[in-house]
């Protein structure tokens, strides 16, 4: 999965960037269809705003946004929100499929004597 980190109105340290890449790299274990993730760090009115937009197969888009004081805490909360969305999406896709087919029993022919 391709991960890109973007900063608005602030400077992102290498530690924050690597932490964000490390956390978002674990998302495909929940849903294999993820292709890209854009992590946006922003600062407005003294609060940190973190947004993650993950794009998957078949034009599926997952968005999570969190405001808070601590950037690392915001990232953890945002990842948690995305994990919940991905689990729900995966469950919906799985539930859309019908139950597995029952194995049919082939009637046995009586032995000929």
N, C-alpha and C. Protein backbone atom coordinates (compact mmCIF):
# COMPACT_ATOMS: atom_id res chain seq x y z
N UNK A 1 0.85 -1.17 0.00
CA UNK A 1 0.00 0.00 0.00
C UNK A 1 0.90 1.23 0.00
N UNK A 2 0.54 2.19 -0.81
CA UNK A 2 1.30 3.43 -0.91
C UNK A 2 0.78 4.42 0.14
N UNK A 3 1.69 4.95 0.95
CA UNK A 3 1.33 5.89 2.01
C UNK A 3 2.02 7.21 1.73
N UNK A 4 1.26 8.30 1.73
CA UNK A 4 1.86 9.62 1.59
C UNK A 4 1.44 10.49 2.77
N UNK A 5 2.38 11.29 3.25
CA UNK A 5 2.16 12.14 4.41
C UNK A 5 2.23 13.59 3.96
N UNK A 6 1.20 14.37 4.30
CA UNK A 6 1.09 15.77 3.89
C UNK A 6 0.93 16.62 5.14
N UNK A 7 1.53 17.82 5.12
CA UNK A 7 1.39 18.75 6.25
C UNK A 7 0.83 20.07 5.76
N UNK A 8 -0.10 20.63 6.52
CA UNK A 8 -0.66 21.95 6.22
C UNK A 8 -0.45 22.83 7.44
N UNK A 9 0.05 24.02 7.23
CA UNK A 9 0.23 25.02 8.28
C UNK A 9 1.14 24.55 9.41
N UNK A 10 1.97 23.58 9.16
CA UNK A 10 2.90 23.10 10.19
C UNK A 10 4.00 22.29 9.52
N UNK A 11 5.01 21.96 10.30
CA UNK A 11 6.11 21.13 9.82
C UNK A 11 6.00 19.76 10.47
N UNK A 12 6.13 18.71 9.68
CA UNK A 12 6.05 17.35 10.19
C UNK A 12 7.47 16.84 10.42
N UNK A 13 7.74 16.39 11.63
CA UNK A 13 9.06 15.84 11.92
C UNK A 13 9.18 14.45 11.32
N UNK A 14 10.41 14.00 11.19
CA UNK A 14 10.65 12.67 10.63
C UNK A 14 10.06 11.58 11.53
N UNK A 15 10.08 11.83 12.84
CA UNK A 15 9.51 10.84 13.78
C UNK A 15 8.00 10.70 13.58
N UNK A 16 7.29 11.84 13.40
CA UNK A 16 5.84 11.78 13.17
C UNK A 16 5.54 11.10 11.84
N UNK A 17 6.34 11.40 10.84
CA UNK A 17 6.13 10.82 9.52
C UNK A 17 6.33 9.30 9.56
N UNK A 18 7.39 8.84 10.19
CA UNK A 18 7.64 7.40 10.25
C UNK A 18 6.59 6.70 11.12
N UNK A 19 6.12 7.36 12.19
CA UNK A 19 5.08 6.78 13.03
C UNK A 19 3.78 6.63 12.24
N UNK A 20 3.44 7.64 11.45
CA UNK A 20 2.23 7.59 10.63
C UNK A 20 2.34 6.48 9.58
N UNK A 21 3.49 6.37 8.94
CA UNK A 21 3.68 5.33 7.93
C UNK A 21 3.62 3.94 8.55
N UNK A 22 4.20 3.80 9.74
CA UNK A 22 4.19 2.51 10.44
C UNK A 22 2.77 2.09 10.80
N UNK A 23 1.98 3.02 11.31
CA UNK A 23 0.61 2.71 11.72
C UNK A 23 -0.29 2.42 10.52
N UNK A 24 -0.18 3.20 9.46
CA UNK A 24 -1.05 2.98 8.30
C UNK A 24 -0.64 1.75 7.50
N UNK A 25 0.61 1.33 7.64
CA UNK A 25 1.06 0.13 6.93
C UNK A 25 0.37 -1.13 7.46
N UNK A 26 -0.20 -1.06 8.67
CA UNK A 26 -0.87 -2.22 9.25
C UNK A 26 -2.33 -2.35 8.81
N UNK A 27 -2.87 -1.33 8.15
CA UNK A 27 -4.28 -1.35 7.75
C UNK A 27 -4.63 -2.44 6.74
N UNK A 28 -3.76 -2.76 5.77
CA UNK A 28 -4.14 -3.80 4.80
C UNK A 28 -4.38 -5.18 5.41
N UNK A 29 -3.94 -5.42 6.64
CA UNK A 29 -4.22 -6.73 7.25
C UNK A 29 -5.70 -6.88 7.56
N UNK A 30 -6.43 -5.75 7.65
CA UNK A 30 -7.87 -5.80 7.88
C UNK A 30 -8.65 -5.90 6.58
N UNK A 31 -8.14 -5.26 5.53
CA UNK A 31 -8.84 -5.26 4.24
C UNK A 31 -7.78 -5.22 3.15
N UNK A 32 -7.64 -6.30 2.41
CA UNK A 32 -6.59 -6.42 1.40
C UNK A 32 -6.77 -5.47 0.23
N UNK A 33 -7.95 -4.90 0.07
CA UNK A 33 -8.23 -4.07 -1.08
C UNK A 33 -7.68 -2.66 -1.01
N UNK A 34 -7.01 -2.28 0.06
CA UNK A 34 -6.49 -0.91 0.18
C UNK A 34 -5.33 -0.70 -0.78
N UNK A 35 -5.35 0.45 -1.45
CA UNK A 35 -4.30 0.76 -2.41
C UNK A 35 -3.45 1.94 -1.98
N UNK A 36 -4.09 3.03 -1.53
CA UNK A 36 -3.33 4.21 -1.10
C UNK A 36 -3.91 4.76 0.19
N UNK A 37 -3.06 5.49 0.90
CA UNK A 37 -3.50 6.19 2.11
C UNK A 37 -2.79 7.53 2.15
N UNK A 38 -3.55 8.59 2.40
CA UNK A 38 -2.99 9.94 2.52
C UNK A 38 -3.23 10.41 3.95
N UNK A 39 -2.15 10.67 4.67
CA UNK A 39 -2.22 11.16 6.04
C UNK A 39 -1.95 12.65 6.01
N UNK A 40 -2.92 13.46 6.48
CA UNK A 40 -2.79 14.91 6.45
C UNK A 40 -2.73 15.46 7.87
N UNK A 41 -1.60 16.10 8.17
CA UNK A 41 -1.42 16.78 9.45
C UNK A 41 -1.77 18.24 9.24
N UNK A 42 -2.56 18.81 10.14
CA UNK A 42 -2.97 20.21 10.02
C UNK A 42 -3.03 20.82 11.41
N UNK A 43 -2.91 22.14 11.45
CA UNK A 43 -3.04 22.84 12.72
C UNK A 43 -3.92 24.05 12.50
N UNK A 44 -5.03 24.11 13.22
CA UNK A 44 -5.91 25.27 13.12
C UNK A 44 -6.39 25.65 14.51
N UNK A 45 -6.34 26.92 14.79
CA UNK A 45 -6.81 27.51 16.05
C UNK A 45 -6.22 26.82 17.27
N UNK A 46 -4.93 26.49 17.21
CA UNK A 46 -4.26 25.89 18.35
C UNK A 46 -4.50 24.41 18.55
N UNK A 47 -5.30 23.80 17.72
CA UNK A 47 -5.56 22.36 17.81
C UNK A 47 -4.96 21.65 16.61
N UNK A 48 -4.55 20.43 16.86
CA UNK A 48 -4.04 19.60 15.77
C UNK A 48 -5.22 18.88 15.13
N UNK A 49 -5.19 18.81 13.81
CA UNK A 49 -6.22 18.09 13.06
C UNK A 49 -5.51 17.05 12.21
N UNK A 50 -5.92 15.82 12.34
CA UNK A 50 -5.32 14.76 11.57
C UNK A 50 -6.41 14.06 10.77
N UNK A 51 -6.13 13.83 9.50
CA UNK A 51 -7.11 13.19 8.62
C UNK A 51 -6.40 12.12 7.81
N UNK A 52 -7.03 10.97 7.71
CA UNK A 52 -6.51 9.88 6.89
C UNK A 52 -7.58 9.52 5.87
N UNK A 53 -7.18 9.52 4.60
CA UNK A 53 -8.07 9.11 3.52
C UNK A 53 -7.45 7.88 2.87
N UNK A 54 -8.12 6.75 2.98
CA UNK A 54 -7.63 5.49 2.41
C UNK A 54 -8.52 5.12 1.23
N UNK A 55 -7.90 4.76 0.13
CA UNK A 55 -8.62 4.41 -1.08
C UNK A 55 -8.41 2.93 -1.36
N UNK A 56 -9.50 2.26 -1.70
CA UNK A 56 -9.43 0.83 -1.95
C UNK A 56 -9.92 0.47 -3.34
N UNK A 57 -10.05 -0.82 -3.54
CA UNK A 57 -10.55 -1.32 -4.82
C UNK A 57 -11.98 -0.88 -5.05
N UNK A 58 -12.36 -0.81 -6.28
CA UNK A 58 -13.73 -0.50 -6.69
C UNK A 58 -14.18 0.86 -6.17
N UNK A 59 -13.27 1.82 -6.15
CA UNK A 59 -13.56 3.21 -5.75
C UNK A 59 -14.11 3.33 -4.34
N UNK A 60 -13.74 2.45 -3.46
CA UNK A 60 -14.17 2.58 -2.07
C UNK A 60 -13.19 3.51 -1.35
N UNK A 61 -13.75 4.47 -0.61
CA UNK A 61 -12.95 5.46 0.10
C UNK A 61 -13.33 5.45 1.57
N UNK A 62 -12.32 5.48 2.41
CA UNK A 62 -12.51 5.48 3.86
C UNK A 62 -11.83 6.72 4.42
N UNK A 63 -12.58 7.51 5.20
CA UNK A 63 -12.06 8.77 5.72
C UNK A 63 -12.24 8.80 7.24
N UNK A 64 -11.19 9.22 7.93
CA UNK A 64 -11.27 9.41 9.38
C UNK A 64 -10.55 10.71 9.72
N UNK A 65 -11.16 11.50 10.60
CA UNK A 65 -10.59 12.78 10.98
C UNK A 65 -10.74 12.96 12.49
N UNK A 66 -9.68 13.51 13.12
CA UNK A 66 -9.68 13.69 14.57
C UNK A 66 -9.02 15.03 14.91
N UNK A 67 -9.60 15.74 15.89
CA UNK A 67 -9.01 16.97 16.43
C UNK A 67 -8.55 16.70 17.85
N UNK A 68 -7.41 17.29 18.23
CA UNK A 68 -6.94 17.09 19.59
C UNK A 68 -5.68 17.87 19.88
N UNK A 69 -5.19 17.71 21.09
CA UNK A 69 -3.99 18.42 21.53
C UNK A 69 -2.72 17.68 21.16
N UNK A 70 -2.74 16.36 21.27
CA UNK A 70 -1.56 15.54 21.03
C UNK A 70 -1.64 14.90 19.65
N UNK A 71 -0.62 15.14 18.81
CA UNK A 71 -0.65 14.63 17.44
C UNK A 71 -0.57 13.11 17.40
N UNK A 72 0.23 12.52 18.28
CA UNK A 72 0.34 11.06 18.30
C UNK A 72 -0.97 10.42 18.76
N UNK A 73 -1.61 11.03 19.74
CA UNK A 73 -2.91 10.54 20.20
C UNK A 73 -3.96 10.66 19.11
N UNK A 74 -3.92 11.77 18.37
CA UNK A 74 -4.85 11.95 17.25
C UNK A 74 -4.65 10.87 16.20
N UNK A 75 -3.39 10.55 15.92
CA UNK A 75 -3.11 9.51 14.93
C UNK A 75 -3.63 8.16 15.39
N UNK A 76 -3.44 7.84 16.66
CA UNK A 76 -3.95 6.56 17.18
C UNK A 76 -5.47 6.49 17.10
N UNK A 77 -6.15 7.58 17.45
CA UNK A 77 -7.62 7.61 17.37
C UNK A 77 -8.09 7.49 15.93
N UNK A 78 -7.38 8.15 15.03
CA UNK A 78 -7.75 8.11 13.61
C UNK A 78 -7.58 6.69 13.04
N UNK A 79 -6.50 6.04 13.41
CA UNK A 79 -6.27 4.66 12.97
C UNK A 79 -7.37 3.75 13.52
N UNK A 80 -7.76 3.97 14.77
CA UNK A 80 -8.83 3.17 15.37
C UNK A 80 -10.14 3.35 14.60
N UNK A 81 -10.46 4.59 14.23
CA UNK A 81 -11.69 4.85 13.46
C UNK A 81 -11.63 4.15 12.11
N UNK A 82 -10.48 4.22 11.44
CA UNK A 82 -10.34 3.56 10.14
C UNK A 82 -10.46 2.04 10.27
N UNK A 83 -9.87 1.48 11.32
CA UNK A 83 -9.99 0.04 11.53
C UNK A 83 -11.44 -0.38 11.68
N UNK A 84 -12.23 0.42 12.42
CA UNK A 84 -13.65 0.11 12.57
C UNK A 84 -14.37 0.17 11.22
N UNK A 85 -14.07 1.19 10.42
CA UNK A 85 -14.71 1.31 9.11
C UNK A 85 -14.34 0.13 8.22
N UNK A 86 -13.07 -0.26 8.24
CA UNK A 86 -12.62 -1.37 7.40
C UNK A 86 -13.27 -2.69 7.83
N UNK A 87 -13.40 -2.90 9.14
CA UNK A 87 -14.06 -4.12 9.61
C UNK A 87 -15.52 -4.16 9.17
N UNK A 88 -16.22 -3.00 9.31
CA UNK A 88 -17.62 -2.94 8.89
C UNK A 88 -17.74 -3.21 7.40
N UNK A 89 -16.85 -2.63 6.60
CA UNK A 89 -16.90 -2.82 5.16
C UNK A 89 -16.66 -4.29 4.80
N UNK A 90 -15.68 -4.89 5.44
CA UNK A 90 -15.37 -6.28 5.17
C UNK A 90 -16.53 -7.19 5.56
N UNK A 91 -17.18 -6.89 6.70
CA UNK A 91 -18.34 -7.68 7.12
C UNK A 91 -19.49 -7.53 6.13
N UNK A 92 -19.71 -6.32 5.63
CA UNK A 92 -20.79 -6.10 4.66
C UNK A 92 -20.54 -6.87 3.38
N UNK A 93 -19.29 -6.86 2.92
CA UNK A 93 -18.96 -7.59 1.69
C UNK A 93 -19.14 -9.09 1.93
N UNK A 94 -18.73 -9.56 3.08
CA UNK A 94 -18.85 -10.99 3.38
C UNK A 94 -20.31 -11.39 3.53
N UNK A 95 -21.14 -10.53 4.16
CA UNK A 95 -22.55 -10.85 4.36
C UNK A 95 -23.35 -10.79 3.07
N UNK A 96 -22.86 -10.03 2.11
CA UNK A 96 -23.54 -9.93 0.83
C UNK A 96 -23.54 -11.27 0.11
N UNK A 97 -22.49 -12.03 0.32
CA UNK A 97 -22.42 -13.35 -0.29
C UNK A 97 -23.34 -14.28 0.48
N UNK A 98 -23.91 -15.21 -0.20
CA UNK A 98 -24.81 -16.14 0.45
C UNK A 98 -24.06 -17.13 1.31
N UNK A 99 -24.78 -17.93 2.04
CA UNK A 99 -24.12 -18.95 2.86
C UNK A 99 -23.46 -19.99 1.95
N UNK A 100 -22.49 -20.70 2.45
CA UNK A 100 -21.83 -21.70 1.61
C UNK A 100 -22.81 -22.81 1.22
N UNK A 101 -22.61 -23.36 0.06
CA UNK A 101 -23.49 -24.41 -0.43
C UNK A 101 -23.32 -25.68 0.40
N UNK A 102 -24.44 -26.34 0.61
CA UNK A 102 -24.40 -27.61 1.32
C UNK A 102 -23.82 -28.66 0.38
N UNK A 103 -23.11 -29.56 0.93
CA UNK A 103 -22.56 -30.62 0.11
C UNK A 103 -23.69 -31.60 -0.20
N UNK A 104 -23.91 -31.87 -1.46
CA UNK A 104 -25.01 -32.77 -1.84
C UNK A 104 -24.55 -34.22 -1.74
N UNK A 105 -25.45 -35.02 -1.27
CA UNK A 105 -25.16 -36.45 -1.14
C UNK A 105 -25.64 -37.15 -2.41
N UNK A 106 -24.77 -37.89 -3.00
CA UNK A 106 -25.13 -38.66 -4.19
C UNK A 106 -25.70 -39.99 -3.71
N UNK A 107 -26.94 -40.31 -4.15
CA UNK A 107 -27.52 -41.58 -3.70
C UNK A 107 -26.69 -42.75 -4.23
N UNK A 108 -26.48 -43.69 -3.35
CA UNK A 108 -25.70 -44.86 -3.75
C UNK A 108 -26.62 -45.89 -4.38
N UNK A 109 -26.14 -46.51 -5.41
CA UNK A 109 -26.92 -47.55 -6.08
C UNK A 109 -26.74 -48.86 -5.32
N UNK A 110 -27.82 -49.61 -5.25
CA UNK A 110 -27.68 -50.93 -4.59
C UNK A 110 -26.76 -51.82 -5.42
N UNK A 111 -26.00 -52.62 -4.73
CA UNK A 111 -25.07 -53.51 -5.42
C UNK A 111 -25.84 -54.53 -6.25
N UNK A 112 -25.38 -54.76 -7.44
CA UNK A 112 -26.03 -55.73 -8.31
C UNK A 112 -25.48 -57.12 -8.00
N UNK A 113 -26.33 -58.10 -7.92
CA UNK A 113 -25.90 -59.46 -7.60
C UNK A 113 -26.03 -60.36 -8.77
